[in-house]
Amino acid sequence: MLGIKDAIKKLYTGEEIIIKHIMLFVLAGVPVMLSNPLNEISKRVGLSATDVFMSLLALIVMAVISIYLGGYIYGIIHNSFDETKQGILPDFNKSWFKIFFQALPVQIVWILYIILVFILAFICKILLAIVIGPKAAAMTIFTLFTIFAAIVFMMIPFIFTEFSKEYKRDGLYNFMLIFTYLRKTFKSVLWLMVKLLPIFIIVAIVNIFGRGNDVVSYICTALGAYLTTIMQYIASYCYVQIYKEKLSGQNLL
């Protein structure tokens, strides 16, 4: 299985790679940098018309960029399936808006699944509270739910890996896919999480230095957002390699 080093090489190789990374730095950094002044405005007692207008404008910009990058990552995953490609960063064009909305129904369904899991956990907590007592029930449910949620979140990227392969939604609404992925890929995904841990720590440290309103903090904020985005791309590339090794060509249902 190709790993993190291969992902980094693919991400920093290809045509116009410097321009693409400058674009990524800007697109990833703008939303988090805008969040700081928005946070300051939200703390004010009385908001002027200018404050309201600037806040709405900032929220629109953040939403548009988030949607665009949400579609763009599907292009990276799609390119990661092609071993002949020198680099996996796609060109920046308006098609990523379309791809995002194409995947949106799948995102909504899986968000609803997650909400349903929360509701079931709450119901189970109430039932257990009647049987074994409130405190013991709360601890039991919290522990089981945390483990289950962590496993589900580790497997969900395969849903969007499958979508990105040919940009098709067929069969991706079935919750039982999670258990198929779990059975076939759990060890590989767990090992990937371990290998990503050092990168996560570096990104977390950079983001810590981004707290504040001075120039250095803003630079660290933008850098932290960029590195977070790159870490997502690395993970996505590695998920594709696991998919190709463990799941490709198999009946998943």
C-alpha atoms as a PDB file:
ATOM      1  CA  MET A   1       0.000   0.000   0.000  1.00  0.00           C
ATOM      2  CA  LEU A   2       1.294   3.437  -0.922  1.00  0.00           C
ATOM      3  CA  GLY A   3       1.640   5.624   2.141  1.00  0.00           C
ATOM      4  CA  ILE A   4       2.116   9.108   3.527  1.00  0.00           C
ATOM      5  CA  LYS A   5       5.424   9.784   1.752  1.00  0.00           C
ATOM      6  CA  ASP A   6       3.843   8.892  -1.575  1.00  0.00           C
ATOM      7  CA  ALA A   7       0.900  11.176  -0.787  1.00  0.00           C
ATOM      8  CA  ILE A   8       3.178  14.113  -0.023  1.00  0.00           C
ATOM      9  CA  LYS A   9       5.154  13.493  -3.210  1.00  0.00           C
ATOM     10  CA  LYS A  10       1.950  13.398  -5.284  1.00  0.00           C
ATOM     11  CA  LEU A  11       0.640  16.568  -3.621  1.00  0.00           C
ATOM     12  CA  TYR A  12       3.787  18.540  -4.397  1.00  0.00           C
ATOM     13  CA  THR A  13       4.364  17.288  -7.932  1.00  0.00           C
ATOM     14  CA  GLY A  14       2.690  18.277 -11.158  1.00  0.00           C
ATOM     15  CA  GLU A  15       2.017  21.191 -13.484  1.00  0.00           C
ATOM     16  CA  GLU A  16       1.766  24.692 -11.978  1.00  0.00           C
ATOM     17  CA  ILE A  17       2.199  23.139  -8.535  1.00  0.00           C
ATOM     18  CA  ILE A  18       3.449  26.336  -6.870  1.00  0.00           C
ATOM     19  CA  ILE A  19       0.448  28.329  -8.111  1.00  0.00           C
ATOM     20  CA  LYS A  20      -1.918  25.579  -6.953  1.00  0.00           C
ATOM     21  CA  HIS A  21      -0.452  25.587  -3.452  1.00  0.00           C
ATOM     22  CA  ILE A  22      -0.607  29.375  -3.253  1.00  0.00           C
ATOM     23  CA  MET A  23      -4.283  29.098  -4.165  1.00  0.00           C
ATOM     24  CA  LEU A  24      -4.787  26.430  -1.515  1.00  0.00           C
ATOM     25  CA  PHE A  25      -3.022  28.571   1.091  1.00  0.00           C
ATOM     26  CA  VAL A  26      -5.313  31.503   0.313  1.00  0.00           C
ATOM     27  CA  LEU A  27      -8.523  29.491   0.070  1.00  0.00           C
ATOM     28  CA  ALA A  28      -7.830  27.534   3.248  1.00  0.00           C
ATOM     29  CA  GLY A  29      -6.646  30.578   5.192  1.00  0.00           C
ATOM     30  CA  VAL A  30      -9.353  33.121   4.345  1.00  0.00           C
ATOM     31  CA  PRO A  31     -12.280  31.419   6.187  1.00  0.00           C
ATOM     32  CA  VAL A  32     -10.376  30.914   9.446  1.00  0.00           C
ATOM     33  CA  MET A  33      -8.898  34.416   9.274  1.00  0.00           C
ATOM     34  CA  LEU A  34     -12.370  35.871   8.774  1.00  0.00           C
ATOM     35  CA  SER A  35     -13.630  33.936  11.787  1.00  0.00           C
ATOM     36  CA  ASN A  36     -11.512  36.078  14.152  1.00  0.00           C
ATOM     37  CA  PRO A  37     -13.120  39.453  13.332  1.00  0.00           C
ATOM     38  CA  LEU A  38     -16.532  37.747  13.216  1.00  0.00           C
ATOM     39  CA  ASN A  39     -15.950  36.479  16.712  1.00  0.00           C
ATOM     40  CA  GLU A  40     -15.046  39.989  17.887  1.00  0.00           C
ATOM     41  CA  ILE A  41     -18.159  41.482  16.255  1.00  0.00           C
ATOM     42  CA  SER A  42     -20.380  38.870  17.900  1.00  0.00           C
ATOM     43  CA  LYS A  43     -19.193  40.040  21.340  1.00  0.00           C
ATOM     44  CA  ARG A  44     -20.397  43.610  20.808  1.00  0.00           C
ATOM     45  CA  VAL A  45     -23.535  44.711  22.632  1.00  0.00           C
ATOM     46  CA  GLY A  46     -24.983  46.766  19.775  1.00  0.00           C
ATOM     47  CA  LEU A  47     -24.342  45.986  16.122  1.00  0.00           C
ATOM     48  CA  SER A  48     -24.312  48.734  13.510  1.00  0.00           C
ATOM     49  CA  ALA A  49     -25.613  48.279   9.973  1.00  0.00           C
ATOM     50  CA  THR A  50     -21.989  48.109   8.811  1.00  0.00           C
ATOM     51  CA  ASP A  51     -21.242  45.319  11.295  1.00  0.00           C
ATOM     52  CA  VAL A  52     -24.230  43.315  10.095  1.00  0.00           C
ATOM     53  CA  PHE A  53     -23.342  43.835   6.419  1.00  0.00           C
ATOM     54  CA  MET A  54     -19.675  42.907   6.928  1.00  0.00           C
ATOM     55  CA  SER A  55     -20.635  39.848   8.965  1.00  0.00           C
ATOM     56  CA  LEU A  56     -23.036  38.619   6.280  1.00  0.00           C
ATOM     57  CA  LEU A  57     -20.451  39.250   3.567  1.00  0.00           C
ATOM     58  CA  ALA A  58     -17.805  37.348   5.527  1.00  0.00           C
ATOM     59  CA  LEU A  59     -20.182  34.423   6.117  1.00  0.00           C
ATOM     60  CA  ILE A  60     -21.017  34.267   2.401  1.00  0.00           C
ATOM     61  CA  VAL A  61     -17.322  34.265   1.459  1.00  0.00           C
ATOM     62  CA  MET A  62     -16.608  31.540   4.030  1.00  0.00           C
ATOM     63  CA  ALA A  63     -19.511  29.420   2.777  1.00  0.00           C
ATOM     64  CA  VAL A  64     -18.524  29.745  -0.886  1.00  0.00           C
ATOM     65  CA  ILE A  65     -14.900  28.812  -0.187  1.00  0.00           C
ATOM     66  CA  SER A  66     -15.937  25.887   2.033  1.00  0.00           C
ATOM     67  CA  ILE A  67     -18.252  24.539  -0.680  1.00  0.00           C
ATOM     68  CA  TYR A  68     -15.542  24.927  -3.310  1.00  0.00           C
ATOM     69  CA  LEU A  69     -12.894  23.132  -1.235  1.00  0.00           C
ATOM     70  CA  GLY A  70     -15.488  20.512  -0.331  1.00  0.00           C
ATOM     71  CA  GLY A  71     -15.829  19.715  -4.033  1.00  0.00           C
ATOM     72  CA  TYR A  72     -12.119  20.072  -4.711  1.00  0.00           C
ATOM     73  CA  ILE A  73     -11.170  17.268  -2.321  1.00  0.00           C
ATOM     74  CA  TYR A  74     -13.301  14.869  -4.361  1.00  0.00           C
ATOM     75  CA  GLY A  75     -11.115  15.731  -7.340  1.00  0.00           C
ATOM     76  CA  ILE A  76      -8.008  14.864  -5.323  1.00  0.00           C
ATOM     77  CA  ILE A  77      -9.529  11.542  -4.289  1.00  0.00           C
ATOM     78  CA  HIS A  78     -10.521  10.871  -7.911  1.00  0.00           C
ATOM     79  CA  ASN A  79      -6.983  11.553  -9.134  1.00  0.00           C
ATOM     80  CA  SER A  80      -5.547   9.339  -6.379  1.00  0.00           C
ATOM     81  CA  PHE A  81      -7.056   6.298  -8.106  1.00  0.00           C
ATOM     82  CA  ASP A  82      -4.915   6.941 -11.196  1.00  0.00           C
ATOM     83  CA  GLU A  83      -1.413   5.603 -10.590  1.00  0.00           C
ATOM     84  CA  THR A  84      -0.183   7.090 -13.876  1.00  0.00           C
ATOM     85  CA  LYS A  85      -0.739  10.677 -12.711  1.00  0.00           C
ATOM     86  CA  GLN A  86       2.404  12.485 -11.641  1.00  0.00           C
ATOM     87  CA  GLY A  87       0.484  14.747  -9.272  1.00  0.00           C
ATOM     88  CA  ILE A  88      -3.004  14.591  -7.776  1.00  0.00           C
ATOM     89  CA  LEU A  89      -3.900  18.275  -7.302  1.00  0.00           C
ATOM     90  CA  PRO A  90      -6.597  19.106  -9.904  1.00  0.00           C
ATOM     91  CA  ASP A  91      -6.865  22.424 -11.700  1.00  0.00           C
ATOM     92  CA  PHE A  92      -8.925  25.141 -10.036  1.00  0.00           C
ATOM     93  CA  ASN A  93     -12.152  25.595 -11.973  1.00  0.00           C
ATOM     94  CA  LYS A  94     -15.858  26.005 -11.301  1.00  0.00           C
ATOM     95  CA  SER A  95     -16.617  22.299 -11.758  1.00  0.00           C
ATOM     96  CA  TRP A  96     -15.916  21.654  -8.071  1.00  0.00           C
ATOM     97  CA  PHE A  97     -19.085  23.491  -7.088  1.00  0.00           C
ATOM     98  CA  LYS A  98     -21.053  21.016  -9.212  1.00  0.00           C
ATOM     99  CA  ILE A  99     -19.204  18.018  -7.727  1.00  0.00           C
ATOM    100  CA  PHE A 100     -19.892  19.254  -4.186  1.00  0.00           C
ATOM    101  CA  PHE A 101     -23.635  19.491  -4.789  1.00  0.00           C
ATOM    102  CA  GLN A 102     -23.545  16.151  -6.583  1.00  0.00           C
ATOM    103  CA  ALA A 103     -22.208  14.576  -3.379  1.00  0.00           C
ATOM    104  CA  LEU A 104     -24.437  16.640  -1.081  1.00  0.00           C
ATOM    105  CA  PRO A 105     -27.322  14.098  -0.873  1.00  0.00           C
ATOM    106  CA  VAL A 106     -24.853  11.476   0.379  1.00  0.00           C
ATOM    107  CA  GLN A 107     -23.463  13.925   2.945  1.00  0.00           C
ATOM    108  CA  ILE A 108     -26.944  14.789   4.193  1.00  0.00           C
ATOM    109  CA  VAL A 109     -27.961  11.149   4.577  1.00  0.00           C
ATOM    110  CA  TRP A 110     -24.835  10.299   6.561  1.00  0.00           C
ATOM    111  CA  ILE A 111     -25.281  13.357   8.777  1.00  0.00           C
ATOM    112  CA  LEU A 112     -28.812  12.118   9.465  1.00  0.00           C
ATOM    113  CA  TYR A 113     -27.399   8.697  10.316  1.00  0.00           C
ATOM    114  CA  ILE A 114     -25.047  10.301  12.828  1.00  0.00           C
ATOM    115  CA  ILE A 115     -27.921  12.273  14.384  1.00  0.00           C
ATOM    116  CA  LEU A 116     -29.929   9.056  14.592  1.00  0.00           C
ATOM    117  CA  VAL A 117     -27.066   7.369  16.430  1.00  0.00           C
ATOM    118  CA  PHE A 118     -27.057  10.227  18.957  1.00  0.00           C
ATOM    119  CA  ILE A 119     -30.816   9.837  19.456  1.00  0.00           C
ATOM    120  CA  LEU A 120     -30.513   6.069  19.930  1.00  0.00           C
ATOM    121  CA  ALA A 121     -27.704   6.601  22.421  1.00  0.00           C
ATOM    122  CA  PHE A 122     -29.911   9.005  24.386  1.00  0.00           C
ATOM    123  CA  ILE A 123     -32.802   6.516  24.381  1.00  0.00           C
ATOM    124  CA  CYS A 124     -30.507   3.702  25.512  1.00  0.00           C
ATOM    125  CA  LYS A 125     -29.192   5.915  28.297  1.00  0.00           C
ATOM    126  CA  ILE A 126     -32.737   6.503  29.573  1.00  0.00           C
ATOM    127  CA  LEU A 127     -33.563   2.794  29.448  1.00  0.00           C
ATOM    128  CA  LEU A 128     -30.337   1.807  31.207  1.00  0.00           C
ATOM    129  CA  ALA A 129     -30.886   4.498  33.824  1.00  0.00           C
ATOM    130  CA  ILE A 130     -34.095   2.715  34.794  1.00  0.00           C
ATOM    131  CA  VAL A 131     -32.333  -0.643  35.054  1.00  0.00           C
ATOM    132  CA  ILE A 132     -28.879   0.082  36.517  1.00  0.00           C
ATOM    133  CA  GLY A 133     -29.094   3.684  37.712  1.00  0.00           C
ATOM    134  CA  PRO A 134     -28.407   7.108  36.109  1.00  0.00           C
ATOM    135  CA  LYS A 135     -24.675   7.412  36.825  1.00  0.00           C
ATOM    136  CA  ALA A 136     -23.735   3.907  35.710  1.00  0.00           C
ATOM    137  CA  ALA A 137     -25.974   4.226  32.654  1.00  0.00           C
ATOM    138  CA  ALA A 138     -24.426   7.524  31.615  1.00  0.00           C
ATOM    139  CA  MET A 139     -20.880   6.135  31.910  1.00  0.00           C
ATOM    140  CA  THR A 140     -21.770   2.941  30.030  1.00  0.00           C
ATOM    141  CA  ILE A 141     -23.492   4.773  27.179  1.00  0.00           C
ATOM    142  CA  PHE A 142     -20.751   7.401  26.942  1.00  0.00           C
ATOM    143  CA  THR A 143     -18.025   4.753  26.689  1.00  0.00           C
ATOM    144  CA  LEU A 144     -19.853   2.593  24.141  1.00  0.00           C
ATOM    145  CA  PHE A 145     -20.972   5.562  22.076  1.00  0.00           C
ATOM    146  CA  THR A 146     -17.482   7.103  22.010  1.00  0.00           C
ATOM    147  CA  ILE A 147     -15.985   3.846  20.737  1.00  0.00           C
ATOM    148  CA  PHE A 148     -18.741   3.336  18.168  1.00  0.00           C
ATOM    149  CA  ALA A 149     -18.620   6.964  16.965  1.00  0.00           C
ATOM    150  CA  ALA A 150     -14.837   6.821  16.561  1.00  0.00           C
ATOM    151  CA  ILE A 151     -15.101   3.653  14.480  1.00  0.00           C
ATOM    152  CA  VAL A 152     -17.896   5.085  12.315  1.00  0.00           C
ATOM    153  CA  PHE A 153     -15.962   8.311  11.661  1.00  0.00           C
ATOM    154  CA  MET A 154     -12.909   6.259  10.673  1.00  0.00           C
ATOM    155  CA  MET A 155     -14.969   4.337   8.110  1.00  0.00           C
ATOM    156  CA  ILE A 156     -17.099   7.162   6.631  1.00  0.00           C
ATOM    157  CA  PRO A 157     -14.255   8.444   4.368  1.00  0.00           C
ATOM    158  CA  PHE A 158     -14.638   5.242   2.334  1.00  0.00           C
ATOM    159  CA  ILE A 159     -18.156   6.398   1.389  1.00  0.00           C
ATOM    160  CA  PHE A 160     -16.724   9.481  -0.289  1.00  0.00           C
ATOM    161  CA  THR A 161     -13.775   7.549  -1.656  1.00  0.00           C
ATOM    162  CA  GLU A 162     -16.296   5.332  -3.443  1.00  0.00           C
ATOM    163  CA  PHE A 163     -18.237   8.396  -4.647  1.00  0.00           C
ATOM    164  CA  SER A 164     -15.114  10.121  -5.958  1.00  0.00           C
ATOM    165  CA  LYS A 165     -14.036   7.125  -8.009  1.00  0.00           C
ATOM    166  CA  GLU A 166     -16.602   7.881 -10.732  1.00  0.00           C
ATOM    167  CA  TYR A 167     -18.660  10.657  -9.063  1.00  0.00           C
ATOM    168  CA  LYS A 168     -21.611   8.274  -8.610  1.00  0.00           C
ATOM    169  CA  ARG A 169     -23.921   7.972  -5.579  1.00  0.00           C
ATOM    170  CA  ASP A 170     -25.325   4.496  -6.295  1.00  0.00           C
ATOM    171  CA  GLY A 171     -25.431   2.277  -3.203  1.00  0.00           C
ATOM    172  CA  LEU A 172     -23.790   4.815  -0.894  1.00  0.00           C
ATOM    173  CA  TYR A 173     -26.821   5.388   1.344  1.00  0.00           C
ATOM    174  CA  ASN A 174     -26.661   1.959   2.967  1.00  0.00           C
ATOM    175  CA  PHE A 175     -25.520   2.207   6.591  1.00  0.00           C
ATOM    176  CA  MET A 176     -24.408  -1.439   6.525  1.00  0.00           C
ATOM    177  CA  LEU A 177     -21.473  -0.370   4.353  1.00  0.00           C
ATOM    178  CA  ILE A 178     -19.798   0.810   7.550  1.00  0.00           C
ATOM    179  CA  PHE A 179     -19.639  -2.744   8.874  1.00  0.00           C
ATOM    180  CA  THR A 180     -18.272  -4.049   5.575  1.00  0.00           C
ATOM    181  CA  TYR A 181     -15.528  -1.431   5.633  1.00  0.00           C
ATOM    182  CA  LEU A 182     -14.868  -2.188   9.285  1.00  0.00           C
ATOM    183  CA  ARG A 183     -14.449  -5.890   8.687  1.00  0.00           C
ATOM    184  CA  LYS A 184     -12.113  -5.495   5.723  1.00  0.00           C
ATOM    185  CA  THR A 185     -10.065  -2.386   6.539  1.00  0.00           C
ATOM    186  CA  PHE A 186     -10.036  -1.744  10.303  1.00  0.00           C
ATOM    187  CA  LYS A 187      -6.392  -2.716  10.900  1.00  0.00           C
ATOM    188  CA  SER A 188      -5.165  -0.718   7.897  1.00  0.00           C
ATOM    189  CA  VAL A 189      -7.139   2.392   8.889  1.00  0.00           C
ATOM    190  CA  LEU A 190      -6.031   2.147  12.512  1.00  0.00           C
ATOM    191  CA  TRP A 191      -2.393   1.927  11.420  1.00  0.00           C
ATOM    192  CA  LEU A 192      -2.935   4.933   9.127  1.00  0.00           C
ATOM    193  CA  MET A 193      -4.273   6.955  12.093  1.00  0.00           C
ATOM    194  CA  VAL A 194      -1.150   6.076  14.068  1.00  0.00           C
ATOM    195  CA  LYS A 195       1.119   7.188  11.208  1.00  0.00           C
ATOM    196  CA  LEU A 196      -0.820  10.456  10.811  1.00  0.00           C
ATOM    197  CA  LEU A 197      -0.448  11.311  14.497  1.00  0.00           C
ATOM    198  CA  PRO A 198       2.912  13.171  14.177  1.00  0.00           C
ATOM    199  CA  ILE A 199       1.476  15.338  11.377  1.00  0.00           C
ATOM    200  CA  PHE A 200      -1.604  16.019  13.482  1.00  0.00           C
ATOM    201  CA  ILE A 201       0.564  17.135  16.414  1.00  0.00           C
ATOM    202  CA  ILE A 202       2.549  19.541  14.200  1.00  0.00           C
ATOM    203  CA  VAL A 203      -0.656  21.019  12.775  1.00  0.00           C
ATOM    204  CA  ALA A 204      -2.127  21.373  16.273  1.00  0.00           C
ATOM    205  CA  ILE A 205       0.969  23.242  17.497  1.00  0.00           C
ATOM    206  CA  VAL A 206       0.828  25.664  14.555  1.00  0.00           C
ATOM    207  CA  ASN A 207      -2.875  26.277  15.215  1.00  0.00           C
ATOM    208  CA  ILE A 208      -2.156  27.035  18.879  1.00  0.00           C
ATOM    209  CA  PHE A 209       0.199  29.840  17.818  1.00  0.00           C
ATOM    210  CA  GLY A 210      -2.618  31.171  15.646  1.00  0.00           C
ATOM    211  CA  ARG A 211      -4.619  32.332  18.647  1.00  0.00           C
ATOM    212  CA  GLY A 212      -4.535  36.108  18.864  1.00  0.00           C
ATOM    213  CA  ASN A 213      -5.001  39.261  16.804  1.00  0.00           C
ATOM    214  CA  ASP A 214      -1.397  40.169  15.960  1.00  0.00           C
ATOM    215  CA  VAL A 215       0.315  39.649  12.605  1.00  0.00           C
ATOM    216  CA  VAL A 216       2.185  36.510  13.684  1.00  0.00           C
ATOM    217  CA  SER A 217      -1.062  34.957  14.926  1.00  0.00           C
ATOM    218  CA  TYR A 218      -2.797  35.646  11.623  1.00  0.00           C
ATOM    219  CA  ILE A 219       0.100  34.095   9.702  1.00  0.00           C
ATOM    220  CA  CYS A 220       0.017  31.030  11.955  1.00  0.00           C
ATOM    221  CA  THR A 221      -3.768  30.855  11.535  1.00  0.00           C
ATOM    222  CA  ALA A 222      -3.478  30.808   7.745  1.00  0.00           C
ATOM    223  CA  LEU A 223      -0.571  28.333   7.871  1.00  0.00           C
ATOM    224  CA  GLY A 224      -2.449  26.092  10.283  1.00  0.00           C
ATOM    225  CA  ALA A 225      -5.506  26.071   8.007  1.00  0.00           C
ATOM    226  CA  TYR A 226      -3.328  25.223   4.994  1.00  0.00           C
ATOM    227  CA  LEU A 227      -1.556  22.393   6.846  1.00  0.00           C
ATOM    228  CA  THR A 228      -4.895  21.051   8.093  1.00  0.00           C
ATOM    229  CA  THR A 229      -6.106  20.964   4.495  1.00  0.00           C
ATOM    230  CA  ILE A 230      -2.945  19.192   3.342  1.00  0.00           C
ATOM    231  CA  MET A 231      -3.322  16.639   6.146  1.00  0.00           C
ATOM    232  CA  GLN A 232      -6.859  15.918   4.921  1.00  0.00           C
ATOM    233  CA  TYR A 233      -5.538  15.402   1.398  1.00  0.00           C
ATOM    234  CA  ILE A 234      -2.816  13.058   2.651  1.00  0.00           C
ATOM    235  CA  ALA A 235      -5.378  11.024   4.575  1.00  0.00           C
ATOM    236  CA  SER A 236      -7.694  10.948   1.547  1.00  0.00           C
ATOM    237  CA  TYR A 237      -4.915   9.652  -0.696  1.00  0.00           C
ATOM    238  CA  CYS A 238      -4.084   6.918   1.818  1.00  0.00           C
ATOM    239  CA  TYR A 239      -7.750   5.926   2.114  1.00  0.00           C
ATOM    240  CA  VAL A 240      -7.804   5.446  -1.658  1.00  0.00           C
ATOM    241  CA  GLN A 241      -4.813   3.112  -1.424  1.00  0.00           C
ATOM    242  CA  ILE A 242      -6.512   1.093   1.325  1.00  0.00           C
ATOM    243  CA  TYR A 243      -9.678   1.000  -0.764  1.00  0.00           C
ATOM    244  CA  LYS A 244      -7.786  -0.273  -3.815  1.00  0.00           C
ATOM    245  CA  GLU A 245      -6.027  -2.940  -1.767  1.00  0.00           C
ATOM    246  CA  LYS A 246      -8.885  -4.140   0.459  1.00  0.00           C
ATOM    247  CA  LEU A 247     -12.165  -3.227  -1.236  1.00  0.00           C
ATOM    248  CA  SER A 248     -11.729  -2.733  -4.971  1.00  0.00           C
ATOM    249  CA  GLY A 249     -13.599  -5.211  -7.174  1.00  0.00           C
ATOM    250  CA  GLN A 250     -15.542  -6.736  -4.265  1.00  0.00           C
ATOM    251  CA  ASN A 251     -19.262  -6.891  -3.530  1.00  0.00           C
ATOM    252  CA  LEU A 252     -19.517  -4.573  -0.532  1.00  0.00           C
ATOM    253  CA  LEU A 253     -23.131  -5.344   0.382  1.00  0.00           C
END
